[in-house]
Amino acid sequence: MNISSIQGVSLFDNLLTEDSKKLTGANTQTFEALLNSAMGLIQETEQATNEAEQAELEYMLGLNDSVTDLLVAQQKANISLQYTVAIKNAVTQAYQEIMAIQF
């Protein structure tokens, strides 16, 4: 089984730290990059979930007898989903704070 890191996590963190330092007129590009990063994270989460489901099926059918591979795939999918939900919650909270600002 191929165990690879969750790429979207580091890319998203780097994007946030770099873009928070430069608040210029390029806010449209920043939002676009942030949105693309979030979409990539969602796709990566979906891929990890699909890989976990595939590992479960292979284990149930007896094609793979390694419990370790199954548990690694499940944990990777779980952590990826938790991170995606945490990002969604942070974005939702930021949106609600912006909407609460009265002009």
N, C-alpha and C. Protein backbone atom coordinates (compact mmCIF):
# COMPACT_ATOMS: atom_id res chain seq x y z
N MET A 1 0.85 -1.18 0.00
CA MET A 1 0.00 0.00 0.00
C MET A 1 0.89 1.23 0.00
N ASN A 2 0.53 2.19 -0.78
CA ASN A 2 1.29 3.43 -0.89
C ASN A 2 0.81 4.42 0.16
N ILE A 3 1.69 4.77 1.08
CA ILE A 3 1.35 5.73 2.13
C ILE A 3 2.00 7.05 1.76
N SER A 4 1.18 8.01 1.39
CA SER A 4 1.70 9.33 1.04
C SER A 4 1.09 10.38 1.95
N SER A 5 1.76 11.51 2.04
CA SER A 5 1.26 12.56 2.93
C SER A 5 0.05 13.25 2.32
N ILE A 6 -0.67 13.96 3.14
CA ILE A 6 -1.81 14.74 2.69
C ILE A 6 -1.27 16.07 2.19
N GLN A 7 -1.19 16.23 0.88
CA GLN A 7 -0.55 17.39 0.27
C GLN A 7 -1.32 18.68 0.51
N GLY A 8 -2.62 18.63 0.53
CA GLY A 8 -3.42 19.84 0.66
C GLY A 8 -3.20 20.58 1.97
N VAL A 9 -2.81 19.86 3.01
CA VAL A 9 -2.61 20.48 4.32
C VAL A 9 -1.46 21.48 4.25
N SER A 10 -0.31 21.05 3.77
CA SER A 10 0.83 21.95 3.73
C SER A 10 0.63 23.06 2.71
N LEU A 11 0.00 22.77 1.58
CA LEU A 11 -0.24 23.80 0.59
C LEU A 11 -1.17 24.88 1.12
N PHE A 12 -2.21 24.46 1.84
CA PHE A 12 -3.17 25.41 2.38
C PHE A 12 -2.54 26.27 3.46
N ASP A 13 -1.75 25.66 4.34
CA ASP A 13 -1.07 26.42 5.39
C ASP A 13 -0.09 27.42 4.81
N ASN A 14 0.68 27.01 3.81
CA ASN A 14 1.62 27.93 3.16
C ASN A 14 0.89 29.09 2.51
N LEU A 15 -0.23 28.80 1.88
CA LEU A 15 -1.01 29.84 1.21
C LEU A 15 -1.51 30.86 2.22
N LEU A 16 -1.99 30.40 3.36
CA LEU A 16 -2.50 31.32 4.37
C LEU A 16 -1.40 32.20 4.94
N THR A 17 -0.25 31.64 5.23
CA THR A 17 0.81 32.45 5.84
C THR A 17 1.41 33.42 4.84
N GLU A 18 1.59 33.03 3.60
CA GLU A 18 2.16 33.92 2.60
C GLU A 18 1.20 35.04 2.25
N ASP A 19 -0.07 34.70 2.05
CA ASP A 19 -1.03 35.69 1.61
C ASP A 19 -1.47 36.64 2.72
N SER A 20 -1.36 36.21 3.97
CA SER A 20 -1.75 37.11 5.05
C SER A 20 -0.73 38.23 5.21
N LYS A 21 0.49 38.02 4.73
CA LYS A 21 1.52 39.04 4.85
C LYS A 21 1.39 40.12 3.79
N LYS A 22 0.83 39.81 2.65
CA LYS A 22 0.74 40.79 1.57
C LYS A 22 -0.72 41.12 1.26
N LEU A 23 -1.15 42.22 1.79
CA LEU A 23 -2.52 42.67 1.57
C LEU A 23 -2.47 43.79 0.54
N THR A 24 -2.41 43.41 -0.71
CA THR A 24 -2.33 44.39 -1.79
C THR A 24 -3.61 44.35 -2.60
N GLY A 25 -3.56 44.96 -3.78
CA GLY A 25 -4.74 44.99 -4.64
C GLY A 25 -5.01 43.67 -5.32
N ALA A 26 -4.23 42.67 -5.04
CA ALA A 26 -4.40 41.37 -5.69
C ALA A 26 -5.30 40.46 -4.87
N ASN A 27 -6.30 41.01 -4.21
CA ASN A 27 -7.20 40.19 -3.38
C ASN A 27 -7.98 39.20 -4.20
N THR A 28 -8.29 39.52 -5.45
CA THR A 28 -9.02 38.60 -6.30
C THR A 28 -8.18 37.36 -6.56
N GLN A 29 -6.89 37.57 -6.84
CA GLN A 29 -6.01 36.43 -7.08
C GLN A 29 -5.84 35.60 -5.81
N THR A 30 -5.78 36.28 -4.67
CA THR A 30 -5.63 35.58 -3.40
C THR A 30 -6.86 34.72 -3.14
N PHE A 31 -8.05 35.27 -3.36
CA PHE A 31 -9.27 34.50 -3.15
C PHE A 31 -9.33 33.32 -4.11
N GLU A 32 -8.94 33.55 -5.35
CA GLU A 32 -8.96 32.47 -6.33
C GLU A 32 -7.99 31.36 -5.94
N ALA A 33 -6.80 31.73 -5.48
CA ALA A 33 -5.83 30.73 -5.04
C ALA A 33 -6.33 29.98 -3.81
N LEU A 34 -6.96 30.71 -2.90
CA LEU A 34 -7.50 30.08 -1.69
C LEU A 34 -8.63 29.11 -2.06
N LEU A 35 -9.49 29.51 -2.98
CA LEU A 35 -10.58 28.66 -3.41
C LEU A 35 -10.05 27.41 -4.12
N ASN A 36 -9.06 27.59 -4.97
CA ASN A 36 -8.47 26.44 -5.66
C ASN A 36 -7.80 25.49 -4.68
N SER A 37 -7.15 26.03 -3.67
CA SER A 37 -6.53 25.20 -2.65
C SER A 37 -7.59 24.41 -1.88
N ALA A 38 -8.68 25.07 -1.55
CA ALA A 38 -9.76 24.39 -0.83
C ALA A 38 -10.38 23.29 -1.68
N MET A 39 -10.56 23.55 -2.97
CA MET A 39 -11.12 22.53 -3.86
C MET A 39 -10.16 21.35 -3.98
N GLY A 40 -8.87 21.62 -4.02
CA GLY A 40 -7.89 20.54 -4.05
C GLY A 40 -7.93 19.71 -2.78
N LEU A 41 -8.13 20.37 -1.65
CA LEU A 41 -8.23 19.67 -0.38
C LEU A 41 -9.46 18.76 -0.36
N ILE A 42 -10.57 19.25 -0.91
CA ILE A 42 -11.79 18.44 -0.97
C ILE A 42 -11.57 17.22 -1.86
N GLN A 43 -10.92 17.42 -2.99
CA GLN A 43 -10.65 16.29 -3.89
C GLN A 43 -9.72 15.28 -3.25
N GLU A 44 -8.73 15.77 -2.51
CA GLU A 44 -7.81 14.86 -1.83
C GLU A 44 -8.53 14.08 -0.73
N THR A 45 -9.45 14.73 -0.03
CA THR A 45 -10.24 14.05 1.00
C THR A 45 -11.10 12.96 0.37
N GLU A 46 -11.70 13.28 -0.76
CA GLU A 46 -12.52 12.29 -1.46
C GLU A 46 -11.68 11.10 -1.92
N GLN A 47 -10.47 11.38 -2.40
CA GLN A 47 -9.58 10.31 -2.84
C GLN A 47 -9.18 9.43 -1.66
N ALA A 48 -8.86 10.03 -0.53
CA ALA A 48 -8.48 9.25 0.66
C ALA A 48 -9.64 8.39 1.14
N THR A 49 -10.85 8.93 1.07
CA THR A 49 -12.04 8.17 1.46
C THR A 49 -12.26 6.99 0.52
N ASN A 50 -12.08 7.22 -0.77
CA ASN A 50 -12.24 6.14 -1.75
C ASN A 50 -11.18 5.05 -1.53
N GLU A 51 -9.95 5.46 -1.23
CA GLU A 51 -8.89 4.49 -0.97
C GLU A 51 -9.20 3.66 0.29
N ALA A 52 -9.76 4.30 1.31
CA ALA A 52 -10.14 3.57 2.53
C ALA A 52 -11.25 2.57 2.24
N GLU A 53 -12.22 2.98 1.44
CA GLU A 53 -13.31 2.07 1.08
C GLU A 53 -12.78 0.88 0.28
N GLN A 54 -11.84 1.17 -0.62
CA GLN A 54 -11.24 0.09 -1.42
C GLN A 54 -10.46 -0.87 -0.53
N ALA A 55 -9.72 -0.33 0.44
CA ALA A 55 -8.96 -1.18 1.37
C ALA A 55 -9.91 -2.05 2.20
N GLU A 56 -11.06 -1.49 2.60
CA GLU A 56 -12.04 -2.25 3.36
C GLU A 56 -12.60 -3.40 2.52
N LEU A 57 -12.92 -3.12 1.27
CA LEU A 57 -13.46 -4.17 0.39
C LEU A 57 -12.43 -5.27 0.17
N GLU A 58 -11.18 -4.88 -0.08
CA GLU A 58 -10.13 -5.88 -0.29
C GLU A 58 -9.93 -6.73 0.96
N TYR A 59 -10.02 -6.13 2.12
CA TYR A 59 -9.86 -6.89 3.37
C TYR A 59 -11.04 -7.86 3.57
N MET A 60 -12.25 -7.37 3.30
CA MET A 60 -13.43 -8.22 3.48
C MET A 60 -13.44 -9.39 2.50
N LEU A 61 -12.95 -9.15 1.28
CA LEU A 61 -12.94 -10.21 0.28
C LEU A 61 -11.75 -11.15 0.43
N GLY A 62 -10.84 -10.83 1.34
CA GLY A 62 -9.68 -11.68 1.55
C GLY A 62 -8.55 -11.42 0.57
N LEU A 63 -8.64 -10.36 -0.21
CA LEU A 63 -7.58 -10.05 -1.17
C LEU A 63 -6.36 -9.45 -0.49
N ASN A 64 -6.58 -8.86 0.67
CA ASN A 64 -5.49 -8.25 1.44
C ASN A 64 -5.72 -8.63 2.90
N ASP A 65 -4.74 -9.27 3.50
CA ASP A 65 -4.91 -9.70 4.89
C ASP A 65 -4.17 -8.80 5.88
N SER A 66 -3.71 -7.66 5.41
CA SER A 66 -2.98 -6.74 6.27
C SER A 66 -3.93 -5.77 6.96
N VAL A 67 -4.09 -5.94 8.25
CA VAL A 67 -4.94 -5.04 9.03
C VAL A 67 -4.29 -3.66 9.11
N THR A 68 -2.96 -3.64 9.09
CA THR A 68 -2.24 -2.37 9.17
C THR A 68 -2.57 -1.47 7.98
N ASP A 69 -2.58 -2.04 6.77
CA ASP A 69 -2.91 -1.25 5.59
C ASP A 69 -4.32 -0.68 5.68
N LEU A 70 -5.23 -1.51 6.18
CA LEU A 70 -6.62 -1.08 6.33
C LEU A 70 -6.72 0.07 7.33
N LEU A 71 -6.07 -0.07 8.48
CA LEU A 71 -6.14 0.97 9.51
C LEU A 71 -5.47 2.27 9.06
N VAL A 72 -4.36 2.17 8.33
CA VAL A 72 -3.67 3.36 7.83
C VAL A 72 -4.57 4.10 6.85
N ALA A 73 -5.20 3.36 5.94
CA ALA A 73 -6.09 4.00 4.97
C ALA A 73 -7.28 4.67 5.65
N GLN A 74 -7.84 4.01 6.67
CA GLN A 74 -8.97 4.59 7.39
C GLN A 74 -8.56 5.83 8.17
N GLN A 75 -7.41 5.79 8.82
CA GLN A 75 -6.95 6.95 9.59
C GLN A 75 -6.61 8.12 8.68
N LYS A 76 -6.00 7.84 7.54
CA LYS A 76 -5.68 8.90 6.59
C LYS A 76 -6.96 9.59 6.11
N ALA A 77 -7.98 8.80 5.80
CA ALA A 77 -9.26 9.37 5.36
C ALA A 77 -9.90 10.16 6.49
N ASN A 78 -9.83 9.64 7.71
CA ASN A 78 -10.43 10.31 8.86
C ASN A 78 -9.74 11.65 9.15
N ILE A 79 -8.42 11.66 9.15
CA ILE A 79 -7.68 12.89 9.42
C ILE A 79 -7.92 13.92 8.31
N SER A 80 -7.95 13.46 7.08
CA SER A 80 -8.20 14.35 5.96
C SER A 80 -9.59 14.98 6.07
N LEU A 81 -10.58 14.19 6.44
CA LEU A 81 -11.94 14.70 6.61
C LEU A 81 -12.02 15.68 7.77
N GLN A 82 -11.36 15.36 8.88
CA GLN A 82 -11.38 16.27 10.03
C GLN A 82 -10.74 17.61 9.68
N TYR A 83 -9.65 17.59 8.94
CA TYR A 83 -8.98 18.83 8.55
C TYR A 83 -9.86 19.64 7.61
N THR A 84 -10.51 18.97 6.67
CA THR A 84 -11.40 19.66 5.74
C THR A 84 -12.56 20.31 6.49
N VAL A 85 -13.13 19.62 7.44
CA VAL A 85 -14.23 20.18 8.23
C VAL A 85 -13.74 21.36 9.07
N ALA A 86 -12.54 21.27 9.62
CA ALA A 86 -11.99 22.37 10.42
C ALA A 86 -11.79 23.61 9.54
N ILE A 87 -11.31 23.43 8.33
CA ILE A 87 -11.14 24.55 7.40
C ILE A 87 -12.50 25.14 7.06
N LYS A 88 -13.48 24.29 6.81
CA LYS A 88 -14.82 24.77 6.48
C LYS A 88 -15.40 25.58 7.64
N ASN A 89 -15.20 25.10 8.85
CA ASN A 89 -15.70 25.82 10.03
C ASN A 89 -15.02 27.17 10.19
N ALA A 90 -13.72 27.22 9.95
CA ALA A 90 -12.99 28.49 10.07
C ALA A 90 -13.45 29.49 9.02
N VAL A 91 -13.67 29.02 7.80
CA VAL A 91 -14.14 29.91 6.74
C VAL A 91 -15.55 30.38 7.04
N THR A 92 -16.40 29.49 7.54
CA THR A 92 -17.76 29.87 7.89
C THR A 92 -17.77 30.91 9.02
N GLN A 93 -16.94 30.71 10.01
CA GLN A 93 -16.85 31.65 11.12
C GLN A 93 -16.35 33.01 10.64
N ALA A 94 -15.36 33.01 9.77
CA ALA A 94 -14.84 34.28 9.22
C ALA A 94 -15.91 34.99 8.42
N TYR A 95 -16.67 34.25 7.64
CA TYR A 95 -17.76 34.84 6.86
C TYR A 95 -18.81 35.46 7.78
N GLN A 96 -19.17 34.74 8.84
CA GLN A 96 -20.16 35.26 9.77
C GLN A 96 -19.67 36.52 10.47
N GLU A 97 -18.38 36.58 10.80
CA GLU A 97 -17.83 37.78 11.42
C GLU A 97 -17.84 38.96 10.46
N ILE A 98 -17.53 38.69 9.20
CA ILE A 98 -17.56 39.76 8.19
C ILE A 98 -18.98 40.27 8.01
N MET A 99 -19.94 39.37 7.98
CA MET A 99 -21.35 39.77 7.79
C MET A 99 -21.87 40.52 9.03
N ALA A 100 -21.27 40.28 10.20
CA ALA A 100 -21.71 40.96 11.41
C ALA A 100 -21.19 42.40 11.49
N ILE A 101 -20.20 42.72 10.69
CA ILE A 101 -19.66 44.09 10.69
C ILE A 101 -20.71 45.00 10.07
N GLN A 102 -21.04 46.05 10.80
CA GLN A 102 -22.03 47.00 10.30
C GLN A 102 -21.32 48.22 9.78
N PHE A 103 -21.67 48.61 8.58
CA PHE A 103 -21.04 49.78 7.97
C PHE A 103 -21.85 51.02 8.22
